[in-house]
Amino acid sequence: MASRSWLTLEGGNTTRLSEGSFQNCLSLSPCPCPPEGHPTVTGRTAHPGLTEVPFLGGFLRVEIERSALPLERVLERNGTLAILLPVSVPAIQVSGHVRQVAERWLKAQARTYLQRRVGELAARLGVTPRQLTVKDTRSRWGSCSHAGNLSFSWRIVMAPPWIIDYLVVHELAHLREMNHSHRFWEVVHGACPDYKSHRFWLRACGEKLMNW
């Protein structure tokens, strides 16, 4: 089994925050408008259980739209995550269903976003990762194997973009230095000069993201 270098939560050093403090960690980013022509809906409500979804350092307000169409659909628009559910989903199951749909959407966004940033930052560092995997982990943000394979927790997509970039740089730097030596941190610093403040953000706010 190939050995790995892990970027993990800091255990006992993790600062525990209140819900309000967690929201203060994030700054709302503008959200793109959705493509036109979404289907006609039969009703729209704010879901009392899941009212907002953390995404790229901000929060998207959750709205549920019951559609006559048989397929689920998710639209991000104007700071809102509109989740279209078929009217065939019983009301008693809506709460759990909304959570599942939102999580699937976040995972898909994480995969797309990470693939793009890994490609861009790898070129900057002059390294070539082999494979990228997005996993459902709650204790490790990312890893890099000796074979050059990278993996990330999908929950990192809830963090601000500069935090995601730090994580990506951290794992890519292991393709140059498979350790946490002084040389390793020099590589990280070269691509991410403010990495120390980004590490602190993960320590202070990361636990809330992992527990989402």
Protein backbone atom coordinates (compact mmCIF):
# COMPACT_ATOMS: atom_id res chain seq x y z
CA MET A 1 0.00 0.00 0.00
CA ALA A 2 1.47 3.34 -1.05
CA SER A 3 2.26 5.71 1.81
CA ARG A 4 0.46 9.02 1.85
CA SER A 5 1.01 12.48 3.17
CA TRP A 6 -2.16 13.81 4.79
CA LEU A 7 -3.50 17.28 5.43
CA THR A 8 -5.80 16.69 8.40
CA LEU A 9 -7.88 18.49 10.94
CA GLU A 10 -5.78 19.68 13.84
CA GLY A 11 -7.53 17.58 16.48
CA GLY A 12 -7.39 19.22 19.88
CA ASN A 13 -6.04 22.43 18.37
CA THR A 14 -9.24 23.00 16.43
CA THR A 15 -11.10 26.07 17.65
CA ARG A 16 -14.77 25.37 18.38
CA LEU A 17 -17.02 28.09 17.05
CA SER A 18 -20.64 29.01 17.53
CA GLU A 19 -22.89 28.94 14.46
CA GLY A 20 -22.75 32.73 14.28
CA SER A 21 -18.97 32.72 14.46
CA PHE A 22 -18.83 30.17 11.65
CA GLN A 23 -20.88 32.44 9.42
CA ASN A 24 -18.47 35.26 10.21
CA CYS A 25 -15.67 33.11 8.75
CA LEU A 26 -17.33 33.25 5.35
CA SER A 27 -17.80 36.20 3.04
CA LEU A 28 -20.63 36.00 0.53
CA SER A 29 -19.49 35.68 -3.07
CA PRO A 30 -21.62 36.69 -6.04
CA CYS A 31 -23.39 33.77 -7.67
CA PRO A 32 -23.89 33.40 -11.41
CA CYS A 33 -27.35 33.52 -12.89
CA PRO A 34 -28.82 30.20 -14.08
CA PRO A 35 -29.46 29.28 -17.69
CA GLU A 36 -32.80 30.50 -18.99
CA GLY A 37 -35.76 28.28 -19.60
CA HIS A 38 -36.11 26.36 -16.35
CA PRO A 39 -39.35 24.39 -16.12
CA THR A 40 -42.62 25.75 -14.84
CA VAL A 41 -43.19 24.92 -11.17
CA THR A 42 -46.32 24.37 -9.14
CA GLY A 43 -45.11 26.02 -5.93
CA ARG A 44 -42.11 27.50 -4.13
CA THR A 45 -41.25 27.37 -0.42
CA ALA A 46 -38.27 27.89 1.83
CA HIS A 47 -37.37 24.59 3.49
CA PRO A 48 -37.52 24.89 7.31
CA GLY A 49 -34.82 22.24 7.87
CA LEU A 50 -32.12 23.18 5.37
CA THR A 51 -32.34 26.93 4.89
CA GLU A 52 -28.90 27.62 3.42
CA VAL A 53 -25.95 25.82 1.87
CA PRO A 54 -22.32 26.95 2.31
CA PHE A 55 -20.64 27.31 -1.08
CA LEU A 56 -17.31 28.93 -2.07
CA GLY A 57 -17.13 31.05 1.05
CA GLY A 58 -20.74 32.24 1.03
CA PHE A 59 -24.21 30.92 1.68
CA LEU A 60 -26.86 30.01 -0.86
CA ARG A 61 -30.42 30.32 0.41
CA VAL A 62 -32.39 27.12 -0.19
CA GLU A 63 -35.75 27.24 -1.94
CA ILE A 64 -37.84 24.21 -2.81
CA GLU A 65 -39.88 24.19 -5.98
CA ARG A 66 -42.35 21.36 -6.59
CA SER A 67 -42.45 20.53 -10.27
CA ALA A 68 -44.80 18.44 -12.36
CA LEU A 69 -41.74 17.08 -14.16
CA PRO A 70 -40.49 13.67 -12.93
CA LEU A 71 -36.82 14.72 -12.67
CA GLU A 72 -34.96 16.56 -9.95
CA ARG A 73 -33.10 19.72 -10.88
CA VAL A 74 -30.90 22.20 -9.04
CA LEU A 75 -30.46 25.81 -10.13
CA GLU A 76 -28.08 28.32 -8.58
CA ARG A 77 -29.34 31.84 -9.13
CA ASN A 78 -28.92 35.20 -7.43
CA GLY A 79 -27.64 33.78 -4.16
CA THR A 80 -30.29 31.06 -4.08
CA LEU A 81 -30.11 27.31 -4.55
CA ALA A 82 -33.45 26.35 -6.07
CA ILE A 83 -34.12 22.63 -5.68
CA LEU A 84 -36.84 21.33 -7.98
CA LEU A 85 -38.53 18.21 -6.65
CA PRO A 86 -41.25 16.19 -8.37
CA VAL A 87 -44.66 16.53 -6.76
CA SER A 88 -44.58 12.74 -6.47
CA VAL A 89 -42.13 13.01 -3.55
CA PRO A 90 -44.29 12.73 -0.38
CA ALA A 91 -44.21 15.75 1.91
CA ILE A 92 -42.88 13.66 4.78
CA GLN A 93 -39.81 12.75 2.69
CA VAL A 94 -39.02 16.24 1.40
CA SER A 95 -36.65 17.16 4.24
CA GLY A 96 -34.29 14.22 3.75
CA HIS A 97 -34.62 14.43 -0.01
CA VAL A 98 -33.58 18.08 -0.12
CA ARG A 99 -30.48 17.33 1.93
CA GLN A 100 -29.48 14.50 -0.42
CA VAL A 101 -30.02 16.62 -3.53
CA ALA A 102 -28.03 19.54 -2.10
CA GLU A 103 -25.17 17.24 -1.14
CA ARG A 104 -25.06 15.66 -4.60
CA TRP A 105 -24.95 19.14 -6.12
CA LEU A 106 -22.08 20.19 -3.85
CA LYS A 107 -20.13 17.04 -4.72
CA ALA A 108 -20.53 17.70 -8.43
CA GLN A 109 -19.46 21.33 -7.97
CA ALA A 110 -16.44 20.21 -5.94
CA ARG A 111 -15.33 17.80 -8.65
CA THR A 112 -15.59 20.41 -11.40
CA TYR A 113 -13.97 23.20 -9.39
CA LEU A 114 -11.10 21.06 -8.09
CA GLN A 115 -10.32 19.62 -11.52
CA ARG A 116 -9.96 23.13 -12.90
CA ARG A 117 -7.86 24.51 -10.06
CA VAL A 118 -5.62 21.44 -9.87
CA GLY A 119 -4.86 21.82 -13.58
CA GLU A 120 -4.14 25.53 -13.31
CA LEU A 121 -2.05 25.35 -10.14
CA ALA A 122 -0.16 22.24 -11.24
CA ALA A 123 1.02 24.15 -14.30
CA ARG A 124 2.20 26.99 -12.06
CA LEU A 125 4.16 24.56 -9.86
CA GLY A 126 5.50 22.57 -12.77
CA VAL A 127 4.11 19.25 -11.57
CA THR A 128 1.83 16.66 -13.15
CA PRO A 129 -0.61 14.79 -10.91
CA ARG A 130 -1.90 11.48 -12.21
CA GLN A 131 -5.43 11.14 -10.90
CA LEU A 132 -7.86 13.28 -8.92
CA THR A 133 -10.52 11.79 -6.67
CA VAL A 134 -13.19 13.57 -4.65
CA LYS A 135 -14.15 11.62 -1.53
CA ASP A 136 -16.68 11.75 1.29
CA THR A 137 -14.23 12.18 4.17
CA ARG A 138 -14.76 14.01 7.45
CA SER A 139 -11.25 13.96 8.95
CA ARG A 140 -8.90 14.59 6.01
CA TRP A 141 -9.06 17.54 3.66
CA GLY A 142 -6.76 16.05 1.06
CA SER A 143 -3.97 13.61 0.30
CA CYS A 144 -1.22 12.93 -2.21
CA SER A 145 0.15 9.45 -2.80
CA HIS A 146 3.66 8.52 -3.93
CA ALA A 147 2.05 7.48 -7.21
CA GLY A 148 1.01 11.10 -7.79
CA ASN A 149 -2.71 10.60 -7.12
CA LEU A 150 -4.59 13.40 -5.37
CA SER A 151 -7.76 13.11 -3.34
CA PHE A 152 -9.88 15.78 -1.66
CA SER A 153 -12.87 15.95 0.63
CA TRP A 154 -15.81 17.34 -1.33
CA ARG A 155 -16.64 19.55 1.66
CA ILE A 156 -13.75 21.88 0.82
CA VAL A 157 -15.97 23.41 -1.89
CA MET A 158 -17.86 25.13 0.92
CA ALA A 159 -14.71 27.12 1.83
CA PRO A 160 -13.61 30.39 0.19
CA PRO A 161 -11.72 30.03 -3.11
CA TRP A 162 -8.38 31.10 -1.62
CA ILE A 163 -8.67 28.36 1.02
CA ILE A 164 -9.33 25.80 -1.72
CA ASP A 165 -6.30 27.07 -3.61
CA TYR A 166 -4.13 26.65 -0.51
CA LEU A 167 -5.32 23.07 -0.08
CA VAL A 168 -4.64 22.28 -3.74
CA VAL A 169 -1.18 23.88 -3.56
CA HIS A 170 -0.44 21.92 -0.38
CA GLU A 171 -1.18 18.58 -2.02
CA LEU A 172 0.54 19.48 -5.30
CA ALA A 173 3.65 20.51 -3.36
CA HIS A 174 3.93 16.92 -2.19
CA LEU A 175 4.72 15.98 -5.78
CA ARG A 176 7.94 17.94 -5.24
CA GLU A 177 8.51 17.10 -1.56
CA MET A 178 6.70 14.08 -0.08
CA ASN A 179 7.08 15.37 3.47
CA HIS A 180 6.48 18.47 5.55
CA SER A 181 10.07 19.63 5.63
CA HIS A 182 11.33 23.18 5.32
CA ARG A 183 11.76 22.60 1.57
CA PHE A 184 8.13 21.52 1.31
CA TRP A 185 6.88 24.72 2.96
CA GLU A 186 9.13 26.78 0.70
CA VAL A 187 7.34 25.23 -2.30
CA VAL A 188 3.96 26.05 -0.74
CA HIS A 189 5.06 29.61 0.08
CA GLY A 190 6.22 30.16 -3.49
CA ALA A 191 2.72 29.53 -4.84
CA CYS A 192 0.71 30.67 -1.82
CA PRO A 193 2.56 33.34 0.21
CA ASP A 194 -0.31 33.70 2.72
CA TYR A 195 -0.53 29.97 3.42
CA LYS A 196 -0.13 30.43 7.20
CA SER A 197 -3.32 32.48 7.48
CA HIS A 198 -5.13 29.95 5.28
CA ARG A 199 -3.99 27.09 7.54
CA PHE A 200 -5.36 29.04 10.50
CA TRP A 201 -8.72 29.47 8.72
CA LEU A 202 -8.98 25.71 8.26
CA ARG A 203 -8.17 25.15 11.91
CA ALA A 204 -10.72 27.73 13.06
CA CYS A 205 -13.58 27.03 10.64
CA GLY A 206 -12.85 23.64 9.13
CA GLU A 207 -14.58 21.60 11.79
CA LYS A 208 -17.92 23.22 11.00
CA LEU A 209 -17.49 22.38 7.32
CA MET A 210 -16.55 18.79 8.09
CA ASN A 211 -19.64 18.40 10.27
CA TRP A 212 -22.05 19.89 7.72
